[in-house]
Protein backbone atom coordinates (compact mmCIF):
# COMPACT_ATOMS: atom_id res chain seq x y z
CA MET A 1 53.28 -9.44 9.33
CA ASP A 2 50.16 -7.36 10.12
CA VAL A 3 46.81 -8.13 8.55
CA GLY A 4 46.87 -5.27 6.03
CA THR A 5 47.77 -4.53 2.40
CA GLU A 6 51.02 -6.49 2.64
CA PHE A 7 49.15 -9.51 4.02
CA PHE A 8 46.68 -9.59 1.11
CA GLU A 9 49.53 -9.28 -1.40
CA GLU A 10 51.17 -12.27 0.24
CA VAL A 11 47.89 -14.22 0.03
CA ARG A 12 47.79 -13.67 -3.75
CA GLU A 13 51.43 -14.70 -4.12
CA ARG A 14 50.89 -17.90 -2.17
CA TYR A 15 48.05 -18.92 -4.50
CA LYS A 16 50.64 -19.06 -7.32
CA GLU A 17 52.66 -21.63 -5.34
CA ASP A 18 49.71 -23.95 -4.66
CA GLU A 19 48.64 -26.03 -7.66
CA ASP A 20 44.92 -26.21 -6.77
CA CYS A 21 44.66 -22.56 -5.84
CA HIS A 22 46.45 -21.52 -9.00
CA ILE A 23 43.99 -23.53 -11.11
CA LEU A 24 40.94 -22.26 -9.16
CA THR A 25 42.12 -18.68 -9.62
CA ALA A 26 42.45 -19.21 -13.36
CA LEU A 27 39.03 -20.94 -13.64
CA LEU A 28 37.28 -18.12 -11.81
CA HIS A 29 38.76 -15.35 -13.91
CA LYS A 30 36.02 -13.87 -16.07
CA TYR A 31 38.10 -14.25 -19.23
CA CYS A 32 39.06 -17.88 -18.60
CA LYS A 33 38.76 -20.09 -21.69
CA TYR A 34 40.24 -23.23 -20.17
CA ALA A 35 37.34 -24.96 -18.34
CA TYR A 36 39.12 -28.29 -18.84
CA LEU A 37 41.56 -27.24 -16.11
CA ALA A 38 38.95 -28.29 -13.56
CA ASN A 39 39.87 -31.92 -14.29
CA SER A 40 43.34 -31.24 -12.88
CA LEU A 41 41.99 -30.33 -9.45
CA HIS A 42 42.24 -32.78 -6.58
CA ASP A 43 38.89 -34.39 -5.70
CA ILE A 44 38.00 -32.21 -2.70
CA TRP A 45 38.71 -28.98 -4.62
CA LYS A 46 36.87 -30.27 -7.65
CA ARG A 47 33.77 -30.79 -5.48
CA PHE A 48 34.13 -27.34 -3.97
CA SER A 49 34.45 -25.85 -7.46
CA GLU A 50 31.45 -27.74 -8.84
CA ASN A 51 29.33 -26.66 -5.87
CA GLY A 52 30.16 -23.02 -6.43
CA ARG A 53 31.97 -22.70 -3.11
CA PHE A 54 34.59 -20.26 -4.44
CA HIS A 55 34.55 -16.92 -6.21
CA LEU A 56 37.32 -14.44 -7.00
CA SER A 57 37.42 -10.92 -5.61
CA ASP A 58 40.36 -8.66 -6.48
CA GLY A 59 42.61 -11.70 -6.90
CA ILE A 60 41.56 -13.20 -3.54
CA LEU A 61 39.83 -16.57 -3.47
CA CYS A 62 36.69 -16.33 -1.32
CA HIS A 63 34.99 -19.38 0.21
CA ARG A 64 31.18 -19.38 0.41
CA SER A 65 29.22 -21.17 3.11
CA LYS A 66 25.60 -20.83 4.22
CA HIS A 67 26.14 -17.62 6.14
CA THR A 68 29.60 -16.35 5.19
CA CYS A 69 31.87 -15.55 2.27
CA VAL A 70 35.44 -15.14 3.49
CA MET A 71 39.06 -15.14 2.33
CA PHE A 72 40.64 -18.54 1.63
CA LEU A 73 44.15 -19.20 2.97
CA CYS A 74 46.47 -21.90 1.61
CA SER A 75 49.71 -21.03 3.41
CA ARG A 76 50.60 -22.24 6.92
CA MET A 77 52.58 -19.02 7.52
CA LEU A 78 49.50 -16.89 6.71
CA ILE A 79 47.27 -19.12 8.85
CA ASN A 80 49.64 -18.63 11.78
CA THR A 81 49.55 -14.87 11.22
CA ILE A 82 45.73 -14.89 11.41
CA LEU A 83 45.77 -17.01 14.56
CA LEU A 84 48.33 -14.73 16.17
CA GLU A 85 46.47 -11.54 15.15
CA PHE A 86 43.06 -12.61 16.41
CA HIS A 87 44.01 -14.51 19.56
CA ASN A 88 47.35 -13.27 20.93
CA ASN A 89 47.08 -9.63 19.87
CA ILE A 90 47.31 -7.37 22.92
CA CYS A 91 44.28 -5.42 21.68
CA SER A 92 42.33 -8.70 21.52
CA GLY A 93 43.34 -9.62 25.05
CA HIS A 94 43.83 -13.37 24.49
CA LEU A 95 40.28 -14.22 23.56
CA SER A 96 38.48 -17.40 24.57
CA GLU A 97 38.40 -20.40 22.23
CA ASP A 98 34.79 -19.75 21.16
CA ARG A 99 35.38 -16.02 20.62
CA THR A 100 38.56 -16.65 18.62
CA MET A 101 36.72 -19.16 16.46
CA GLU A 102 33.80 -16.77 15.95
CA ILE A 103 36.06 -13.93 14.76
CA ILE A 104 38.21 -16.10 12.45
CA LYS A 105 35.07 -17.62 10.91
CA LYS A 106 34.04 -14.12 9.79
CA CYS A 107 37.29 -13.31 7.98
CA ALA A 108 39.09 -16.47 6.79
CA TRP A 109 38.69 -20.14 5.89
CA TRP A 110 40.86 -23.20 5.21
CA PRO A 111 39.91 -26.90 5.33
CA SER A 112 41.14 -27.66 8.86
CA TRP A 113 40.43 -24.24 10.41
CA ARG A 114 38.35 -25.47 13.39
CA LYS A 115 40.91 -28.10 14.37
CA ASP A 116 43.76 -25.59 13.99
CA VAL A 117 42.07 -22.96 16.16
CA ILE A 118 41.41 -25.52 18.94
CA GLU A 119 45.00 -26.80 18.89
CA TYR A 120 46.40 -23.26 18.79
CA PHE A 121 44.22 -22.13 21.68
CA HIS A 122 45.14 -25.07 23.92
CA GLY A 123 48.83 -24.52 23.10
CA CYS A 124 48.61 -20.84 24.05
CA ASP A 125 51.05 -19.86 26.79
CA ARG A 126 48.50 -17.58 28.46
CA PHE A 127 45.85 -20.34 28.45
CA GLN A 128 48.23 -22.78 30.13
CA LYS A 129 49.18 -20.26 32.80
CA ALA A 130 45.57 -19.30 33.47
CA ASN A 131 44.61 -22.91 34.04
CA LYS A 132 47.52 -23.82 36.23
CA ALA A 133 48.68 -21.28 38.76
CA THR A 134 52.30 -21.93 39.79
CA GLY A 135 55.09 -20.09 41.55
CA LYS A 136 54.98 -17.47 44.29
CA ARG A 137 51.99 -15.25 44.97
CA PHE A 138 51.95 -11.87 43.23
CA GLY A 139 53.18 -8.79 45.08
CA LEU A 140 51.26 -5.62 45.83
CA MET A 141 49.67 -3.76 42.93
CA ILE A 142 51.45 -0.56 41.86
CA HIS A 143 49.70 2.40 40.30
CA ILE A 144 50.66 2.97 36.67
CA GLN A 145 51.00 6.62 35.72
CA GLU A 146 49.05 7.51 32.61
CA ALA A 147 51.17 8.48 29.59
CA SER A 148 50.93 12.04 28.32
CA THR A 149 52.84 11.55 25.04
CA PRO A 150 53.27 8.67 22.55
CA TRP A 151 55.84 6.01 23.45
CA GLU A 152 56.41 7.37 26.93
CA VAL A 153 54.96 4.22 28.53
CA VAL A 154 54.80 0.86 26.74
CA HIS A 155 53.42 -2.60 27.49
CA MET A 156 55.55 -5.59 26.44
CA ASP A 157 54.49 -9.19 26.08
CA TRP A 158 56.10 -12.34 24.64
CA VAL A 159 54.09 -14.81 22.59
CA THR A 160 55.98 -18.13 22.47
CA ALA A 161 55.50 -21.73 21.29
CA LEU A 162 54.42 -20.59 17.84
CA PRO A 163 54.86 -22.83 14.81
CA PRO A 164 58.02 -21.78 12.88
CA GLY A 165 57.38 -19.20 10.17
CA GLY A 166 59.23 -16.84 7.86
CA ILE A 167 62.66 -17.08 6.28
CA LYS A 168 64.37 -17.32 9.70
CA SER A 169 61.82 -19.79 11.12
CA TYR A 170 60.64 -17.45 13.87
CA ASN A 171 58.80 -19.29 16.65
CA ALA A 172 57.96 -16.37 18.99
CA CYS A 173 56.93 -12.74 18.89
CA ILE A 174 57.48 -9.69 21.09
CA VAL A 175 54.38 -7.48 21.20
CA ILE A 176 54.97 -3.86 22.22
CA VAL A 177 51.97 -1.51 22.68
CA ASP A 178 52.14 2.25 23.21
CA ARG A 179 49.98 3.01 26.25
CA TYR A 180 49.09 6.50 24.91
CA SER A 181 48.01 5.71 21.34
CA LYS A 182 47.38 1.95 21.74
CA THR A 183 49.56 1.39 18.66
CA PRO A 184 50.98 -2.16 18.59
CA ILE A 185 54.33 -3.28 17.13
CA PHE A 186 55.08 -6.96 16.49
CA LEU A 187 58.72 -8.13 16.49
CA PRO A 188 59.26 -11.72 15.26
CA CYS A 189 61.93 -13.50 17.30
CA HIS A 190 62.98 -16.89 18.64
CA LYS A 191 61.93 -18.26 22.03
CA GLU A 192 65.54 -19.36 22.53
CA ASP A 193 66.76 -15.71 22.39
CA ILE A 194 68.71 -14.50 25.42
CA ALA A 195 68.32 -11.13 27.13
CA MET A 196 71.00 -9.55 24.92
CA ASP A 197 69.24 -10.72 21.74
CA THR A 198 65.98 -9.20 22.94
CA ALA A 199 67.66 -5.92 23.97
CA LEU A 200 69.34 -5.56 20.59
CA LEU A 201 66.11 -6.33 18.74
CA ILE A 202 64.14 -3.67 20.67
CA TRP A 203 66.99 -1.16 20.32
CA ASN A 204 67.41 -1.62 16.55
CA ARG A 205 63.74 -1.89 15.64
CA ILE A 206 62.09 0.59 18.03
CA ILE A 207 64.33 2.68 20.28
CA TYR A 208 66.58 3.67 17.37
CA HIS A 209 63.59 5.25 15.65
CA ILE A 210 61.49 6.72 18.47
CA GLY A 211 63.81 7.05 21.47
CA LEU A 212 63.90 5.57 24.96
CA PHE A 213 60.71 4.76 26.87
CA LYS A 214 60.11 6.37 30.26
CA ASN A 215 58.49 3.20 31.58
CA SER A 216 58.04 -0.30 30.20
CA ILE A 217 55.49 -2.71 31.71
CA SER A 218 55.86 -6.47 31.40
CA ASP A 219 55.22 -9.62 33.38
CA ARG A 220 58.71 -10.89 32.56
């Protein structure tokens, strides 16, 4: 799921499934007549509410701190989406731990966000490879011809070891980026998928709609 309109709709829907978020949303509505609902909040959320840490903007709970006011997330699936988008995204280039934390701090908040970012970063496949070189030495570099039309040349990368998410408990993602337009496509998958599973996924989700690529670039 991309961080766009669909993502924000999902954020609002998840609030309805979380008892504290549902109550906070009701309390912050300008026409709310049920202030007594605050007594139903768990202690930590009651303190946040009393300290004015939250406000409601277009149905989205926003968390206030000294320097920021950002979207509040209550769903593990949505948290994983944010981590994936701002760390593993090809356009982001697998950012450092500090840079990932800095960007997420400006757009989202949840109680354990710092701990989750650190754990996610140190579990990142690229981070592990960068800190432990194994295997044979790389071969000679080959010049990559620049694309002249969209989807002529694509870059492909696999993001694995993700926490399960979605109806089918996806734990990996194939990221395909058009070299010409820099447009990314994210295909949820399973790290246990074999070559045939991957081929069928790319055929049905991409090639069927836009045609065959002239070149595909990957480290796999």
